Amino acid sequence: MMVLVTYDVETVTASGAKRLRKVAKECQNYGQRVQNSVFECVLTEAQFVVLRSKLSTIIKEETDSIRFYFLGNNWNKRIEMLGKVTSFDVASELII
């Protein structure tokens, strides 16, 4: 499934900036950054549960928020872009 992960982490304090970096790093393990605080992730249900659990341990619930948008079965036909394309096909094979 395609999941759009968006987050807003309070960065006024040093601990907030550290949480922001941790959230971004964890999201990079599961998908690709498409905007500053937005990641596209193609996940299985099990992977989603693990990602959600990891992120919940990083954030401070009183000040930070994370939203998950599930884009459905035909997500690849529903993505439109304007301007410079900076991403790759997340459904294709990736060699690291």
C-alpha atoms as a PDB file:
ATOM      1  CA  MET A   1       0.000   0.000   0.000  1.00  0.00           C
ATOM      2  CA  MET A   2       1.100   3.556  -0.621  1.00  0.00           C
ATOM      3  CA  VAL A   3       1.253   5.647   2.546  1.00  0.00           C
ATOM      4  CA  LEU A   4       2.003   9.346   2.627  1.00  0.00           C
ATOM      5  CA  VAL A   5       3.685  10.206   5.935  1.00  0.00           C
ATOM      6  CA  THR A   6       3.617  13.845   7.006  1.00  0.00           C
ATOM      7  CA  TYR A   7       4.944  15.244  10.244  1.00  0.00           C
ATOM      8  CA  ASP A   8       5.281  18.441  12.227  1.00  0.00           C
ATOM      9  CA  VAL A   9       7.842  18.336  15.011  1.00  0.00           C
ATOM     10  CA  GLU A  10       8.409  21.251  17.385  1.00  0.00           C
ATOM     11  CA  THR A  11      11.961  22.515  16.842  1.00  0.00           C
ATOM     12  CA  VAL A  12      12.176  25.429  19.294  1.00  0.00           C
ATOM     13  CA  THR A  13      14.310  23.348  21.663  1.00  0.00           C
ATOM     14  CA  ALA A  14      17.423  21.287  21.002  1.00  0.00           C
ATOM     15  CA  SER A  15      15.516  18.133  21.940  1.00  0.00           C
ATOM     16  CA  GLY A  16      12.846  19.027  19.364  1.00  0.00           C
ATOM     17  CA  ALA A  17      15.459  19.420  16.624  1.00  0.00           C
ATOM     18  CA  LYS A  18      16.882  16.035  17.616  1.00  0.00           C
ATOM     19  CA  ARG A  19      13.415  14.432  17.402  1.00  0.00           C
ATOM     20  CA  LEU A  20      12.918  15.992  13.976  1.00  0.00           C
ATOM     21  CA  ARG A  21      16.138  14.408  12.693  1.00  0.00           C
ATOM     22  CA  LYS A  22      15.165  11.035  14.173  1.00  0.00           C
ATOM     23  CA  VAL A  23      11.698  11.114  12.590  1.00  0.00           C
ATOM     24  CA  ALA A  24      13.160  12.025   9.192  1.00  0.00           C
ATOM     25  CA  LYS A  25      15.806   9.301   9.421  1.00  0.00           C
ATOM     26  CA  GLU A  26      13.220   6.666  10.345  1.00  0.00           C
ATOM     27  CA  CYS A  27      10.977   7.712   7.453  1.00  0.00           C
ATOM     28  CA  GLN A  28      13.944   7.487   5.064  1.00  0.00           C
ATOM     29  CA  ASN A  29      14.279   3.828   6.049  1.00  0.00           C
ATOM     30  CA  TYR A  30      10.817   3.160   4.617  1.00  0.00           C
ATOM     31  CA  GLY A  31      10.324   5.569   1.736  1.00  0.00           C
ATOM     32  CA  GLN A  32      11.482   8.627  -0.111  1.00  0.00           C
ATOM     33  CA  ARG A  33      11.303  12.266   0.883  1.00  0.00           C
ATOM     34  CA  VAL A  34       9.146  14.241  -1.537  1.00  0.00           C
ATOM     35  CA  GLN A  35       8.997  17.472   0.481  1.00  0.00           C
ATOM     36  CA  ASN A  36      10.654  18.649   3.696  1.00  0.00           C
ATOM     37  CA  SER A  37       8.311  16.822   6.071  1.00  0.00           C
ATOM     38  CA  VAL A  38       6.580  14.466   3.638  1.00  0.00           C
ATOM     39  CA  PHE A  39       7.538  10.929   2.641  1.00  0.00           C
ATOM     40  CA  GLU A  40       6.014   8.496   0.137  1.00  0.00           C
ATOM     41  CA  CYS A  41       6.255   4.932   1.426  1.00  0.00           C
ATOM     42  CA  VAL A  42       5.192   1.687  -0.246  1.00  0.00           C
ATOM     43  CA  LEU A  43       4.595  -0.609   2.716  1.00  0.00           C
ATOM     44  CA  THR A  44       3.099  -3.900   3.701  1.00  0.00           C
ATOM     45  CA  GLU A  45       0.714  -3.821   6.642  1.00  0.00           C
ATOM     46  CA  ALA A  46       3.439  -5.301   8.857  1.00  0.00           C
ATOM     47  CA  GLN A  47       5.941  -2.638   7.785  1.00  0.00           C
ATOM     48  CA  PHE A  48       3.383   0.079   8.512  1.00  0.00           C
ATOM     49  CA  VAL A  49       2.809  -1.262  12.030  1.00  0.00           C
ATOM     50  CA  VAL A  50       6.569  -1.261  12.691  1.00  0.00           C
ATOM     51  CA  LEU A  51       7.058   2.258  11.275  1.00  0.00           C
ATOM     52  CA  ARG A  52       4.117   3.649  13.247  1.00  0.00           C
ATOM     53  CA  SER A  53       5.442   2.062  16.437  1.00  0.00           C
ATOM     54  CA  LYS A  54       8.957   3.429  15.917  1.00  0.00           C
ATOM     55  CA  LEU A  55       7.694   6.937  15.195  1.00  0.00           C
ATOM     56  CA  SER A  56       5.410   6.916  18.226  1.00  0.00           C
ATOM     57  CA  THR A  57       8.418   6.279  20.473  1.00  0.00           C
ATOM     58  CA  ILE A  58      10.319   9.236  18.970  1.00  0.00           C
ATOM     59  CA  ILE A  59       7.769  12.043  19.079  1.00  0.00           C
ATOM     60  CA  LYS A  60       6.516  14.047  22.007  1.00  0.00           C
ATOM     61  CA  GLU A  61       2.737  13.739  21.792  1.00  0.00           C
ATOM     62  CA  GLU A  62       2.093  17.097  23.478  1.00  0.00           C
ATOM     63  CA  THR A  63       3.885  19.106  20.774  1.00  0.00           C
ATOM     64  CA  ASP A  64       4.521  16.926  17.700  1.00  0.00           C
ATOM     65  CA  SER A  65       2.196  15.307  15.176  1.00  0.00           C
ATOM     66  CA  ILE A  66       2.445  12.668  12.475  1.00  0.00           C
ATOM     67  CA  ARG A  67      -0.242  11.933   9.892  1.00  0.00           C
ATOM     68  CA  PHE A  68      -0.545   8.872   7.673  1.00  0.00           C
ATOM     69  CA  TYR A  69      -2.533   9.087   4.432  1.00  0.00           C
ATOM     70  CA  PHE A  70      -3.431   5.777   2.769  1.00  0.00           C
ATOM     71  CA  LEU A  71      -3.694   6.358  -0.962  1.00  0.00           C
ATOM     72  CA  GLY A  72      -5.608   3.235  -2.026  1.00  0.00           C
ATOM     73  CA  ASN A  73      -5.220   0.590  -4.701  1.00  0.00           C
ATOM     74  CA  ASN A  74      -4.687   2.865  -7.704  1.00  0.00           C
ATOM     75  CA  TRP A  75      -2.367   5.336  -5.985  1.00  0.00           C
ATOM     76  CA  ASN A  76       0.118   5.328  -8.886  1.00  0.00           C
ATOM     77  CA  LYS A  77      -2.544   6.780 -11.198  1.00  0.00           C
ATOM     78  CA  ARG A  78      -3.510   9.495  -8.710  1.00  0.00           C
ATOM     79  CA  ILE A  79      -0.174  11.248  -8.300  1.00  0.00           C
ATOM     80  CA  GLU A  80       0.344  14.418 -10.291  1.00  0.00           C
ATOM     81  CA  MET A  81       3.371  16.666 -10.101  1.00  0.00           C
ATOM     82  CA  LEU A  82       4.108  20.213 -11.165  1.00  0.00           C
ATOM     83  CA  GLY A  83       7.585  21.625 -11.504  1.00  0.00           C
ATOM     84  CA  LYS A  84      10.870  19.818 -11.094  1.00  0.00           C
ATOM     85  CA  VAL A  85      10.578  16.066 -10.552  1.00  0.00           C
ATOM     86  CA  THR A  86      13.015  15.048  -7.812  1.00  0.00           C
ATOM     87  CA  SER A  87      11.760  11.559  -7.026  1.00  0.00           C
ATOM     88  CA  PHE A  88      12.070   8.077  -8.462  1.00  0.00           C
ATOM     89  CA  ASP A  89       9.487   5.343  -9.077  1.00  0.00           C
ATOM     90  CA  VAL A  90       8.970   3.942  -5.565  1.00  0.00           C
ATOM     91  CA  ALA A  91       7.326   0.781  -6.922  1.00  0.00           C
ATOM     92  CA  SER A  92      10.324  -0.215  -9.045  1.00  0.00           C
ATOM     93  CA  GLU A  93      13.305  -2.225  -7.847  1.00  0.00           C
ATOM     94  CA  LEU A  94      15.938  -0.244  -6.002  1.00  0.00           C
ATOM     95  CA  ILE A  95      19.575  -1.351  -5.839  1.00  0.00           C
ATOM     96  CA  ILE A  96      21.525   0.053  -2.927  1.00  0.00           C
END
